Protein backbone atom coordinates (compact mmCIF):
# COMPACT_ATOMS: atom_id res chain seq x y z
CA MET A 1 -78.66 114.73 75.80
CA LYS A 2 -79.44 111.94 73.28
CA GLY A 3 -82.42 109.90 73.34
CA CYS A 4 -82.22 105.87 74.20
CA CYS A 5 -83.85 103.03 74.46
CA LYS A 6 -82.97 99.50 76.04
CA VAL A 7 -84.31 96.07 74.94
CA VAL A 8 -85.75 93.43 77.56
CA GLN A 9 -85.71 90.06 76.71
CA GLY A 10 -88.73 88.52 77.80
CA PRO A 11 -89.35 85.48 79.51
CA GLN A 12 -89.17 81.58 78.29
CA GLY A 13 -92.42 80.15 77.04
CA PRO A 14 -93.55 76.83 78.24
CA ARG A 15 -92.22 73.46 76.79
CA GLY A 16 -94.38 72.04 73.99
CA VAL A 17 -96.26 68.93 74.79
CA GLN A 18 -94.95 65.66 72.94
CA GLY A 19 -96.99 64.21 69.96
CA TYR A 20 -98.01 60.60 70.17
CA THR A 21 -95.89 57.75 69.09
CA GLY A 22 -97.42 55.83 65.79
CA SER A 23 -98.75 52.15 66.29
CA VAL A 24 -96.71 49.24 63.92
CA GLY A 25 -98.29 48.57 60.62
CA THR A 26 -99.10 45.06 59.98
CA GLY A 27 -98.95 43.50 56.62
CA PRO A 28 -100.94 40.39 54.95
CA THR A 29 -99.62 37.17 55.89
CA GLY A 30 -97.84 35.70 53.09
CA SER A 31 -99.43 32.51 50.90
CA THR A 32 -98.18 28.88 52.17
CA GLY A 33 -95.71 27.89 49.76
CA SER A 34 -96.59 24.88 47.60
CA GLU A 35 -95.10 21.11 48.70
CA GLY A 36 -91.86 19.92 46.94
CA GLY A 37 -92.44 17.04 44.86
CA THR A 38 -91.83 12.97 46.14
CA GLY A 39 -87.81 12.02 45.48
CA PRO A 40 -87.29 9.01 43.81
CA THR A 41 -86.93 5.65 44.98
CA GLY A 42 -83.35 5.53 47.00
CA TYR A 43 -80.58 3.34 45.84
CA THR A 44 -80.85 -0.07 46.76
CA GLY A 45 -78.65 -1.68 49.55
CA ALA A 46 -75.28 -2.69 49.10
CA PRO A 47 -75.12 -6.67 48.98
CA GLY A 48 -74.19 -8.80 52.07
CA THR A 49 -71.01 -9.69 53.10
CA ALA A 50 -70.07 -13.54 52.76
CA GLY A 51 -70.97 -15.44 55.40
CA SER A 52 -68.15 -18.11 57.11
CA THR A 53 -67.92 -21.48 55.46
CA SER A 54 -70.50 -23.98 57.46
CA HIS A 55 -69.01 -27.41 58.12
CA GLY A 56 -70.27 -30.54 60.16
CA GLU A 57 -69.39 -34.26 61.07
CA MET A 58 -70.35 -37.12 62.83
CA TYR A 59 -68.77 -40.35 63.09
CA PHE A 60 -69.06 -43.67 65.10
CA GLY A 61 -66.04 -45.96 66.33
CA GLY A 62 -66.32 -49.24 67.86
CA THR A 63 -68.37 -52.16 66.99
CA GLY A 64 -71.82 -51.98 66.15
CA THR A 65 -74.50 -54.60 64.25
CA ILE A 66 -76.64 -53.80 62.03
CA ALA A 67 -79.47 -56.02 60.62
CA ILE A 68 -79.92 -55.62 56.92
CA ASN A 69 -82.05 -57.05 53.98
CA ASP A 70 -81.83 -56.46 50.17
CA ALA A 71 -85.56 -55.24 50.20
CA THR A 72 -85.19 -51.68 51.95
CA TYR A 73 -82.64 -49.25 52.69
CA THR A 74 -81.70 -49.84 56.36
CA VAL A 75 -80.59 -46.65 58.56
CA LEU A 76 -77.18 -46.97 59.97
CA ASP A 77 -78.53 -46.63 63.80
CA LEU A 78 -75.68 -46.32 66.01
CA PRO A 79 -74.25 -44.31 68.83
CA TRP A 80 -73.16 -41.48 67.23
CA THR A 81 -70.28 -38.45 68.30
CA ALA A 82 -70.50 -34.95 66.93
CA GLY A 83 -67.17 -33.99 65.13
CA GLU A 84 -66.29 -30.28 64.36
CA CYS A 85 -69.39 -28.29 63.69
CA ASN A 86 -70.07 -25.00 62.30
CA GLY A 87 -73.33 -24.34 61.05
CA PHE A 88 -74.88 -28.32 61.76
CA THR A 89 -75.81 -30.23 64.71
CA VAL A 90 -75.92 -33.88 65.07
CA ASP A 91 -78.96 -35.76 66.40
CA ASP A 92 -77.47 -38.86 67.59
CA VAL A 93 -80.94 -40.01 68.77
CA ASN A 94 -82.46 -40.25 65.10
CA ASN A 95 -78.51 -40.60 63.50
CA ARG A 96 -78.56 -37.38 61.31
CA LEU A 97 -76.58 -34.25 60.76
CA VAL A 98 -78.92 -31.57 60.36
CA SER A 99 -78.11 -28.39 58.52
CA ASN A 100 -78.60 -25.04 60.26
CA VAL A 101 -77.56 -23.41 56.92
CA SER A 102 -78.27 -23.00 52.97
CA GLY A 103 -75.90 -23.71 50.59
CA VAL A 104 -74.40 -26.34 48.37
CA PHE A 105 -71.97 -29.12 50.10
CA MET A 106 -69.14 -31.80 49.36
CA VAL A 107 -70.61 -34.41 51.15
CA VAL A 108 -68.12 -37.52 51.95
CA MET A 109 -69.13 -40.88 53.71
CA SER A 110 -66.55 -43.84 54.61
CA LEU A 111 -67.72 -46.82 56.10
CA SER A 112 -65.59 -50.31 57.48
CA TYR A 113 -67.52 -53.11 58.21
CA GLN A 114 -68.12 -56.98 57.45
CA ILE A 115 -70.98 -59.52 56.46
CA ASP A 116 -71.63 -62.69 57.66
CA SER A 117 -72.33 -63.86 54.07
CA SER A 118 -69.53 -64.47 51.07
CA ASN A 119 -72.57 -64.62 48.61
CA THR A 120 -73.77 -60.89 48.54
CA LYS A 121 -72.56 -57.52 48.31
CA VAL A 122 -73.69 -54.34 50.24
CA LYS A 123 -74.35 -50.81 49.03
CA ALA A 124 -74.24 -48.05 51.01
CA THR A 125 -75.18 -43.92 50.39
CA VAL A 126 -75.96 -40.90 52.05
CA ALA A 127 -79.66 -39.95 52.02
CA LEU A 128 -80.84 -36.34 51.95
CA ASP A 129 -84.48 -36.13 54.45
CA GLY A 130 -84.67 -40.37 54.32
CA THR A 131 -84.21 -40.12 50.48
CA PRO A 132 -80.59 -41.43 49.07
CA CYS A 133 -78.58 -39.29 46.84
CA PRO A 134 -77.99 -41.18 43.57
CA ASN A 135 -75.08 -39.57 42.88
CA MET A 136 -73.49 -41.18 46.25
CA ILE A 137 -74.52 -44.48 46.01
CA GLN A 138 -71.63 -46.65 46.58
CA GLN A 139 -71.20 -50.66 46.00
CA ASP A 140 -68.52 -53.02 47.18
CA GLY A 141 -67.06 -55.10 44.97
CA ILE A 142 -65.83 -58.61 46.33
CA HIS A 143 -64.89 -59.38 50.14
CA THR A 144 -63.94 -62.25 52.09
CA HIS A 145 -66.38 -63.71 54.86
CA ASN A 146 -66.24 -62.19 58.25
CA PHE A 147 -63.19 -60.09 57.09
CA TYR A 148 -63.68 -56.19 56.64
CA THR A 149 -64.69 -54.17 54.18
CA SER A 150 -64.09 -50.57 53.42
CA LEU A 151 -66.73 -48.45 51.42
CA THR A 152 -66.39 -44.96 50.36
CA CYS A 153 -68.45 -42.19 48.45
CA SER A 154 -68.65 -38.27 48.05
CA GLY A 155 -70.66 -36.21 45.90
CA ILE A 156 -71.98 -32.60 45.82
CA VAL A 157 -75.23 -31.85 47.59
CA SER A 158 -77.88 -28.82 47.48
CA ILE A 159 -79.06 -28.52 51.27
CA THR A 160 -81.47 -26.10 52.45
CA ALA A 161 -81.46 -25.00 56.52
CA GLY A 162 -83.23 -27.69 58.18
CA GLN A 163 -82.82 -30.77 56.21
CA TYR A 164 -80.54 -33.42 57.40
CA LEU A 165 -78.83 -35.94 56.17
CA HIS A 166 -78.17 -40.01 57.37
CA VAL A 167 -75.98 -43.13 56.13
CA GLU A 168 -78.23 -45.81 54.48
CA VAL A 169 -76.98 -49.05 53.41
CA ILE A 170 -79.09 -52.42 51.85
CA GLY A 171 -77.80 -55.99 50.70
CA VAL A 172 -77.26 -57.26 47.47
CA ASN A 173 -78.24 -60.50 46.30
CA GLY A 174 -79.00 -61.45 50.58
CA ILE A 175 -81.61 -61.20 52.91
CA GLY A 176 -81.72 -61.12 56.27
CA LEU A 177 -77.95 -60.20 56.91
CA ASP A 178 -75.84 -58.82 59.58
CA MET A 179 -73.53 -56.51 59.39
CA VAL A 180 -71.00 -55.74 62.03
CA VAL A 181 -70.04 -51.64 61.49
CA LEU A 182 -66.11 -50.76 62.73
CA GLN A 183 -66.44 -47.38 61.93
CA CYS A 184 -68.34 -44.71 59.74
CA THR A 185 -67.48 -41.14 59.39
CA LEU A 186 -70.14 -38.64 57.55
CA SER A 187 -68.77 -34.80 56.39
CA ALA A 188 -70.05 -31.75 55.38
CA VAL A 189 -68.25 -29.57 53.72
CA ALA A 190 -69.72 -25.88 52.08
CA VAL A 191 -68.84 -25.42 48.73
CA SER A 192 -69.16 -21.72 49.01
CA GLY A 193 -70.07 -19.45 51.77
CA ASP A 194 -73.22 -19.16 53.58
CA GLN A 195 -75.62 -16.48 51.94
CA GLY A 196 -74.38 -12.76 53.58
CA PRO A 197 -76.71 -10.66 55.63
CA THR A 198 -78.93 -8.05 53.55
CA GLY A 199 -77.06 -5.15 52.82
CA PRO A 200 -78.29 -1.82 54.05
CA THR A 201 -81.30 0.02 52.83
CA GLY A 202 -79.98 2.91 50.77
CA ALA A 203 -80.28 6.49 51.23
CA SER A 204 -82.63 8.50 49.29
CA ALA A 205 -81.33 8.69 45.22
CA PRO A 206 -81.21 12.99 44.78
CA VAL A 207 -84.23 14.22 42.65
CA SER A 208 -83.56 14.42 38.69
CA SER A 209 -82.72 17.75 37.79
CA ALA A 210 -84.01 16.60 34.17
CA GLY A 211 -85.80 13.77 32.32
CA LEU A 212 -88.79 11.76 32.13
CA ILE A 213 -89.75 10.45 35.52
CA TYR A 214 -92.40 7.73 35.98
CA ILE A 215 -95.65 8.39 38.46
CA THR A 216 -98.65 5.74 37.75
CA SER A 217 -100.78 3.60 35.56
CA GLY A 218 -103.62 1.85 35.27
CA ASP A 219 -105.75 -0.52 33.52
CA PHE A 220 -109.06 0.15 31.22
CA ALA A 221 -111.71 -2.05 32.97
CA GLY A 222 -114.36 -3.44 30.44
CA ASN A 223 -116.83 -0.35 29.98
CA THR A 224 -115.67 2.05 32.14
CA SER A 225 -113.14 4.94 32.21
CA ILE A 226 -110.50 5.53 33.77
CA GLN A 227 -109.30 8.17 35.96
CA PHE A 228 -106.02 9.18 37.56
CA ASP A 229 -106.50 12.23 40.57
CA ASN A 230 -103.45 14.28 41.92
CA VAL A 231 -101.09 13.31 38.97
CA PHE A 232 -100.68 16.99 38.11
CA SER A 233 -98.79 19.26 40.31
CA ASN A 234 -96.00 22.04 40.47
CA THR A 235 -93.39 19.49 40.09
CA TYR A 236 -93.56 18.67 36.41
CA SER A 237 -94.65 21.45 33.57
CA ALA A 238 -95.57 18.94 31.02
CA TYR A 239 -96.72 15.32 31.15
CA LYS A 240 -97.15 12.18 28.36
CA ALA A 241 -99.56 9.60 28.48
CA VAL A 242 -98.79 6.05 26.50
CA ILE A 243 -101.38 3.71 25.95
CA SER A 244 -100.20 0.04 24.97
CA GLY A 245 -102.56 -3.17 24.34
CA LEU A 246 -105.16 -1.17 22.91
CA ASN A 247 -108.40 -3.49 22.03
CA PHE A 248 -111.49 -0.74 21.65
CA PRO A 249 -114.27 -1.96 19.79
CA ILE A 250 -115.50 0.09 16.41
CA PHE A 251 -117.45 3.03 17.30
CA GLU A 252 -120.19 2.37 14.48
CA PRO A 253 -120.48 -0.74 12.39
CA THR A 254 -120.20 1.47 9.43
CA GLU A 255 -116.91 2.62 10.43
CA SER A 256 -113.32 1.28 10.80
CA ALA A 257 -112.57 3.79 13.83
CA SER A 258 -113.31 3.96 17.74
CA ARG A 259 -112.44 6.69 19.91
CA LEU A 260 -110.36 7.51 22.53
CA TYR A 261 -112.07 10.67 24.98
CA ILE A 262 -109.79 12.45 26.96
CA GLN A 263 -110.73 14.87 29.69
CA LEU A 264 -109.32 17.23 32.76
CA CYS A 265 -110.10 16.98 36.54
CA ALA A 266 -110.07 19.05 38.74
CA ASN A 267 -110.51 17.89 43.03
CA THR A 268 -111.47 14.82 41.94
CA THR A 269 -114.68 16.28 39.43
CA VAL A 270 -114.29 15.56 35.41
CA ASP A 271 -114.54 18.97 33.87
CA THR A 272 -117.22 18.38 30.88
CA GLY A 273 -117.31 21.95 29.92
CA TYR A 274 -117.90 22.50 26.16
CA ASN A 275 -114.48 24.16 25.37
CA TYR A 276 -112.24 21.31 24.56
CA TYR A 277 -111.10 21.48 20.89
CA THR A 278 -109.20 18.81 18.64
CA GLN A 279 -107.89 18.79 14.99
CA GLY A 280 -105.90 15.77 13.47
CA VAL A 281 -104.62 14.22 10.56
CA LEU A 282 -104.91 10.66 9.27
CA VAL A 283 -102.73 9.05 6.58
CA ASP A 284 -102.18 5.36 5.64
CA THR A 285 -100.37 3.55 3.64
CA ASN A 286 -102.77 3.38 1.19
CA GLY A 287 -102.39 6.81 -0.11
CA GLY A 288 -105.62 7.99 2.07
CA GLN A 289 -105.67 11.20 3.71
CA SER A 290 -108.16 13.18 5.75
CA LEU A 291 -108.53 15.58 8.29
CA PHE A 292 -110.48 15.22 11.64
CA GLY A 293 -111.35 17.72 14.11
CA THR A 294 -113.80 19.42 16.93
CA GLY A 295 -115.13 22.61 17.83
CA ALA A 296 -116.26 23.42 21.68
CA ASP A 297 -116.74 19.64 22.81
CA SER A 298 -117.21 18.17 26.30
CA GLN A 299 -114.17 16.36 25.71
CA TRP A 300 -110.75 15.90 23.43
CA GLN A 301 -111.43 12.90 21.27
CA THR A 302 -109.16 11.11 18.77
CA LEU A 303 -109.86 8.87 16.15
CA LEU A 304 -108.33 4.81 16.38
CA PHE A 305 -108.34 2.88 13.19
CA ASN A 306 -107.34 -0.75 13.29
CA PRO A 307 -108.26 -0.24 17.09
CA THR A 308 -108.38 -4.04 18.03
CA ALA A 309 -104.33 -4.52 16.13
CA THR A 310 -101.45 -5.88 18.36
CA THR A 311 -99.46 -2.95 17.30
CA ALA A 312 -101.90 -0.26 18.57
CA GLY A 313 -100.22 2.40 20.70
CA VAL A 314 -101.49 5.85 21.54
CA VAL A 315 -99.20 8.64 22.91
CA ILE A 316 -100.34 11.65 24.36
CA GLU A 317 -98.63 15.09 25.90
CA ILE A 318 -100.28 17.34 27.95
CA GLN A 319 -98.58 20.81 28.72
CA ASN A 320 -98.89 23.23 31.81
CA PRO A 321 -101.89 21.64 33.12
CA TYR A 322 -101.20 22.56 36.90
CA THR A 323 -101.49 26.02 35.97
CA ALA A 324 -104.44 28.68 36.21
CA SER A 325 -104.07 29.17 32.07
CA SER A 326 -105.27 27.29 28.86
CA THR A 327 -104.27 23.59 28.55
CA THR A 328 -103.04 22.21 25.40
CA MET A 329 -102.55 18.78 24.26
CA ASN A 330 -100.66 16.88 21.33
CA PHE A 331 -100.94 12.96 20.53
CA GLN A 332 -100.11 10.27 18.08
CA TYR A 333 -101.57 7.18 17.37
CA SER A 334 -100.87 4.39 14.88
CA SER A 335 -101.38 0.83 14.26
CA HIS A 336 -101.33 -1.93 11.90
CA ASP A 337 -103.94 -4.62 10.75
CA GLY A 338 -101.93 -7.00 8.49
CA SER A 339 -101.84 -4.79 5.50
CA THR A 340 -102.23 -1.43 5.94
CA TRP A 341 -100.50 1.14 8.22
CA CYS A 342 -102.72 3.82 9.67
CA SER A 343 -101.07 7.12 11.51
CA MET A 344 -103.03 10.11 13.26
CA SER A 345 -101.28 13.00 14.64
CA GLY A 346 -102.88 15.83 16.06
CA GLY A 347 -103.36 17.97 18.89
CA GLY A 348 -106.05 20.17 20.82
CA VAL A 349 -106.46 22.87 23.51
CA LYS A 350 -108.61 23.18 27.06
CA ASP A 351 -109.52 26.70 26.96
CA THR A 352 -110.07 27.73 30.45
CA GLN A 353 -108.23 29.54 32.79
CA THR A 354 -108.08 26.43 35.35
CA SER A 355 -105.64 24.81 37.38
CA TYR A 356 -105.97 21.12 36.72
CA ASP A 357 -104.98 17.78 39.24
CA GLY A 358 -106.11 15.06 37.12
CA ILE A 359 -106.79 13.71 34.19
CA ALA A 360 -109.70 10.85 32.90
CA PHE A 361 -109.50 8.33 29.69
CA SER A 362 -112.72 6.90 28.14
CA PRO A 363 -113.64 4.54 25.71
CA GLY A 364 -116.29 5.55 22.75
CA LEU A 365 -118.37 3.01 22.93
CA PRO A 366 -119.39 1.48 26.62
CA VAL A 367 -118.56 -1.98 25.86
CA SER A 368 -115.78 -4.19 26.68
CA SER A 369 -112.67 -2.18 26.11
CA GLN A 370 -108.75 -3.15 27.07
CA GLY A 371 -105.55 -0.99 27.29
CA HIS A 372 -103.12 0.04 29.47
CA ILE A 373 -101.63 3.29 30.69
CA SER A 374 -98.72 4.84 31.81
CA ILE A 375 -98.26 8.51 33.08
CA TYR A 376 -94.59 10.07 33.33
CA GLY A 377 -93.80 13.76 34.40
CA TYR A 378 -91.71 15.95 32.31
CA LYS A 379 -88.29 17.50 34.49
CA TYR A 380 -87.06 20.28 32.66
């Protein structure tokens, strides 16, 4: 009999223990982005719409007696009635046609009257705020005693809101006359419409994609320097300073030049470290040429020849001051003293890895100095 064996399966092992759940990793917080530059001023609002035409009228009809003389104008004191008015008010107590708007008006006055003398004449006019309008004085010709005479005058009058018109008369070659008024009308009609309301405020203009943008400006005040803080940012990569109206004192009696010192600033603090380098060349119309330069110094400096000439001016360009890298500077100066043109060109570098947000300018000699500085940003 053959031998045999039987494979018997063992029991199932116990279930393994579940592993721990890993914790969620947290990365560092990202840095805050820099603030965007301020856009330029918005567009000017649209012009106001034209106003409606203003007009006013007051009149008298009936019989009214006015005592006049040949020494002074007399206001026609009558029981006036308001006619068609738009922009005017009739003040019948004070015999006035009052304007509530400003503008240029055609003014017309008509008067019918008689006087108790055949030896005198009458002048009539319209007065603005009590002063007779010289372009509206009208004198009658000849009239018959106790017969009615008519006068009409007209003219263009510029009237401001709040001013008033009234009718005045004066005798000619007669004293102590009585004028009997039968009719009088005073009218004013606007030659052009009243000024319209102010247009709405314009929307903000889009930020320019490229060009030279004005930032700020200032003036030298005697012997002090001028410092511009918070003018450099990541909005612009390069900047231009234009100096005009120069009047700098000569640096030393033996020299014909002055100095302009330039320093960078960070957080309102002027950097006076000895790592400013400047190089330049001077030429003039007399054939003179010379080189100028400084080694490690506490500021950039430029020579200003004929610095009191009215034609003197300086243009300075600064590249990448806001980035933490070396900052470069270029300058151009020219002047004319009446006989010689001088021109100096050059540049320099600030050899530090620092971000600057400001710049300071100083006259070389601590006495009265003048000049206007404007700063612009280049947007590429």
